[in-house]
């Protein structure tokens, strides 16, 4: 049963949008998805392999706000964080040859997703709630998971965000893939998209 589930999950790699609009100028690659799906680790691996610059939107927000994400949530609330997030996304439109690791809720805002798609191929990384819980349970810098039942909160947030995540250009499951394997799958999707959109 476990082997069959693993095979099914590994097969869950698909281009959400079967064709990439030929008018899109794909200069960058954006990684979306829930916390703990490997966006930062996979993104850095891809950047190293392609010779691209790597940026993390949370790190850009911290630099702009002058405080840690956890402190921004605690002191100013989630709306202030989302405002910084949208400003950072708008600035990313000027970049080229960049791997962009986004915050877990960033593309839930349709305007953020549209802004990214104007210049980047957007890949959503995916994992089960249980795997996400395992990966995030040893960290204390996840403001949205500071609850009595983090696993229940993960399931709740994933369910709420799933429809937004499926608007990405492609979805790649990272549950049973190493960082290098996940990176290779994303690179393949990215190169195919760039070929499809080339003049």
Protein backbone atom coordinates (compact mmCIF):
# COMPACT_ATOMS: atom_id res chain seq x y z
CA UNK A 1 0.00 0.00 0.00
CA UNK A 2 2.79 2.41 0.91
CA UNK A 3 4.68 1.69 -2.33
CA UNK A 4 1.52 2.25 -4.39
CA UNK A 5 0.83 5.56 -2.57
CA UNK A 6 4.40 6.66 -3.18
CA UNK A 7 4.09 5.85 -6.90
CA UNK A 8 0.83 7.78 -7.18
CA UNK A 9 2.34 10.79 -5.43
CA UNK A 10 5.42 10.73 -7.64
CA UNK A 11 3.16 10.73 -10.68
CA UNK A 12 1.42 13.82 -9.42
CA UNK A 13 3.59 16.08 -11.56
CA UNK A 14 1.62 17.88 -14.20
CA UNK A 15 1.46 21.08 -16.16
CA UNK A 16 -1.62 22.76 -14.71
CA UNK A 17 -1.93 24.97 -17.78
CA UNK A 18 -1.27 22.70 -20.73
CA UNK A 19 0.04 25.53 -22.88
CA UNK A 20 2.05 28.59 -21.99
CA UNK A 21 0.77 31.77 -23.58
CA UNK A 22 3.12 32.66 -26.43
CA UNK A 23 2.99 36.33 -25.46
CA UNK A 24 4.54 35.63 -22.06
CA UNK A 25 8.17 36.63 -21.69
CA UNK A 26 9.44 34.01 -19.25
CA UNK A 27 12.60 35.49 -17.76
CA UNK A 28 12.36 34.05 -14.24
CA UNK A 29 11.14 31.02 -12.31
CA UNK A 30 8.89 31.40 -9.26
CA UNK A 31 8.33 28.64 -6.71
CA UNK A 32 5.04 28.77 -4.86
CA UNK A 33 3.39 26.42 -2.37
CA UNK A 34 2.86 25.82 1.31
CA UNK A 35 5.59 26.24 3.91
CA UNK A 36 7.72 23.15 4.29
CA UNK A 37 7.36 21.98 0.68
CA UNK A 38 11.00 22.80 -0.07
CA UNK A 39 10.79 26.10 -1.95
CA UNK A 40 13.98 27.57 -0.50
CA UNK A 41 16.09 24.41 -0.69
CA UNK A 42 14.88 23.45 -4.17
CA UNK A 43 15.14 27.04 -5.34
CA UNK A 44 18.77 27.36 -4.26
CA UNK A 45 19.58 24.07 -5.98
CA UNK A 46 17.96 25.27 -9.22
CA UNK A 47 19.75 28.63 -9.02
CA UNK A 48 23.09 26.84 -8.63
CA UNK A 49 22.42 24.56 -11.59
CA UNK A 50 21.16 27.29 -13.92
CA UNK A 51 23.51 30.04 -12.75
CA UNK A 52 20.54 32.21 -11.76
CA UNK A 53 20.17 34.57 -8.81
CA UNK A 54 18.10 33.24 -5.89
CA UNK A 55 15.75 35.47 -3.88
CA UNK A 56 13.29 34.67 -1.11
CA UNK A 57 10.29 37.00 -0.84
CA UNK A 58 10.19 36.62 2.95
CA UNK A 59 13.80 37.78 3.17
CA UNK A 60 13.03 40.72 0.90
CA UNK A 61 10.07 41.63 3.12
CA UNK A 62 12.23 41.46 6.26
CA UNK A 63 14.78 43.79 4.65
CA UNK A 64 12.05 46.23 3.63
CA UNK A 65 10.20 46.13 6.96
CA UNK A 66 13.33 46.14 9.09
CA UNK A 67 12.07 43.27 11.23
CA UNK A 68 11.64 39.50 11.22
CA UNK A 69 8.48 38.02 9.70
CA UNK A 70 7.40 36.68 13.10
CA UNK A 71 7.77 40.16 14.62
CA UNK A 72 5.93 41.75 11.70
CA UNK A 73 2.97 39.41 12.26
CA UNK A 74 3.04 39.93 16.03
CA UNK A 75 3.43 43.71 16.01
CA UNK A 76 1.62 44.81 12.84
CA UNK A 77 -0.63 41.89 11.90
CA UNK A 78 -1.07 39.80 8.76
CA UNK A 79 -2.58 42.67 6.65
CA UNK A 80 0.67 44.66 7.06
CA UNK A 81 2.67 41.61 6.03
CA UNK A 82 0.52 41.08 2.94
CA UNK A 83 0.97 44.71 1.95
CA UNK A 84 4.76 44.37 2.08
CA UNK A 85 4.42 41.11 0.16
CA UNK A 86 2.53 42.76 -2.71
CA UNK A 87 5.10 45.57 -2.90
CA UNK A 88 7.93 43.06 -3.14
CA UNK A 89 6.11 41.11 -5.86
CA UNK A 90 5.69 44.28 -7.92
CA UNK A 91 9.43 45.00 -7.66
CA UNK A 92 10.30 41.50 -8.90
CA UNK A 93 8.96 42.37 -12.37
CA UNK A 94 12.27 44.14 -13.06
CA UNK A 95 14.35 41.00 -12.52
CA UNK A 96 15.87 38.60 -15.02
CA UNK A 97 17.37 35.10 -14.62
CA UNK A 98 16.10 34.87 -11.05
CA UNK A 99 14.68 32.01 -9.00
CA UNK A 100 11.99 33.43 -6.73
CA UNK A 101 10.96 31.51 -3.61
CA UNK A 102 7.59 32.88 -2.50
CA UNK A 103 5.77 32.87 0.83
CA UNK A 104 3.15 30.19 1.34
CA UNK A 105 0.17 32.53 0.94
CA UNK A 106 1.59 34.84 -1.70
CA UNK A 107 -0.23 33.53 -4.78
CA UNK A 108 -3.53 33.28 -2.92
CA UNK A 109 -3.85 36.92 -3.94
CA UNK A 110 -4.73 36.74 -7.67
CA UNK A 111 -2.96 40.06 -8.30
CA UNK A 112 0.31 38.61 -6.99
CA UNK A 113 -0.02 35.53 -9.19
CA UNK A 114 -0.82 37.63 -12.27
CA UNK A 115 2.18 39.85 -11.56
CA UNK A 116 4.50 36.85 -11.30
CA UNK A 117 3.12 35.22 -14.45
CA UNK A 118 3.91 38.38 -16.42
CA UNK A 119 7.62 37.52 -16.21
CA UNK A 120 8.03 34.12 -14.53
CA UNK A 121 7.05 30.49 -14.95
CA UNK A 122 5.24 29.64 -11.70
CA UNK A 123 5.67 26.16 -10.22
CA UNK A 124 3.79 25.10 -7.10
CA UNK A 125 5.60 22.59 -4.88
CA UNK A 126 3.30 20.19 -3.05
CA UNK A 127 3.45 17.77 -0.11
CA UNK A 128 0.94 16.11 2.19
CA UNK A 129 -0.12 17.77 5.46
CA UNK A 130 1.67 15.05 7.41
CA UNK A 131 4.96 15.60 5.58
CA UNK A 132 4.67 19.38 5.96
CA UNK A 133 4.04 18.93 9.69
CA UNK A 134 7.11 16.70 9.98
CA UNK A 135 9.28 19.24 8.15
CA UNK A 136 8.03 22.29 10.08
CA UNK A 137 7.58 20.84 13.58
CA UNK A 138 11.16 21.59 14.60
CA UNK A 139 11.01 25.29 13.72
CA UNK A 140 9.57 28.20 15.69
CA UNK A 141 9.51 30.90 12.99
CA UNK A 142 6.16 29.94 11.41
CA UNK A 143 3.63 32.46 12.80
CA UNK A 144 0.61 30.80 11.19
CA UNK A 145 1.43 27.47 12.91
CA UNK A 146 1.71 28.79 16.47
CA UNK A 147 -1.46 26.96 17.56
CA UNK A 148 -2.37 24.09 19.86
CA UNK A 149 -2.86 21.75 16.87
CA UNK A 150 -0.44 22.70 14.05
CA UNK A 151 -1.35 19.67 11.90
CA UNK A 152 -5.03 20.64 11.92
CA UNK A 153 -4.03 24.19 11.01
CA UNK A 154 -1.89 22.91 8.12
CA UNK A 155 -4.83 20.88 6.79
CA UNK A 156 -7.13 23.88 7.12
CA UNK A 157 -4.79 26.26 5.31
CA UNK A 158 -3.95 23.75 2.57
CA UNK A 159 -7.64 23.18 1.87
CA UNK A 160 -8.26 26.92 1.72
CA UNK A 161 -5.31 27.54 -0.61
CA UNK A 162 -5.50 24.52 -2.89
CA UNK A 163 -7.57 26.19 -5.60
CA UNK A 164 -5.07 29.08 -5.72
CA UNK A 165 -2.09 26.74 -5.83
CA UNK A 166 -3.63 24.92 -8.79
CA UNK A 167 -3.55 28.16 -10.78
CA UNK A 168 0.24 27.85 -11.01
CA UNK A 169 1.73 26.82 -14.35
CA UNK A 170 2.86 23.46 -12.98
CA UNK A 171 2.63 21.42 -9.81
CA UNK A 172 5.47 19.23 -8.54
CA UNK A 173 5.15 16.88 -5.58
CA UNK A 174 8.25 16.96 -3.36
CA UNK A 175 7.15 14.39 -0.78
CA UNK A 176 9.30 11.47 -1.92
CA UNK A 177 11.85 13.38 -3.96
CA UNK A 178 15.27 14.55 -2.84
CA UNK A 179 16.07 18.24 -3.25
CA UNK A 180 18.10 17.44 -6.37
CA UNK A 181 15.35 15.27 -7.87
CA UNK A 182 12.71 17.94 -7.26
CA UNK A 183 15.01 20.58 -8.74
CA UNK A 184 15.57 18.50 -11.87
CA UNK A 185 11.82 18.07 -12.37
CA UNK A 186 11.21 21.81 -11.99
CA UNK A 187 14.07 22.66 -14.36
CA UNK A 188 12.56 20.31 -16.96
CA UNK A 189 9.18 22.05 -16.67
CA UNK A 190 10.83 25.47 -16.85
CA UNK A 191 12.84 24.67 -19.97
CA UNK A 192 9.81 23.21 -21.70
CA UNK A 193 7.82 26.36 -20.93
CA UNK A 194 10.55 28.64 -22.23
CA UNK A 195 10.74 26.65 -25.45
CA UNK A 196 6.98 26.85 -25.85
CA UNK A 197 6.96 30.61 -25.38
CA UNK A 198 10.00 31.36 -27.53
CA UNK A 199 9.27 33.51 -30.62
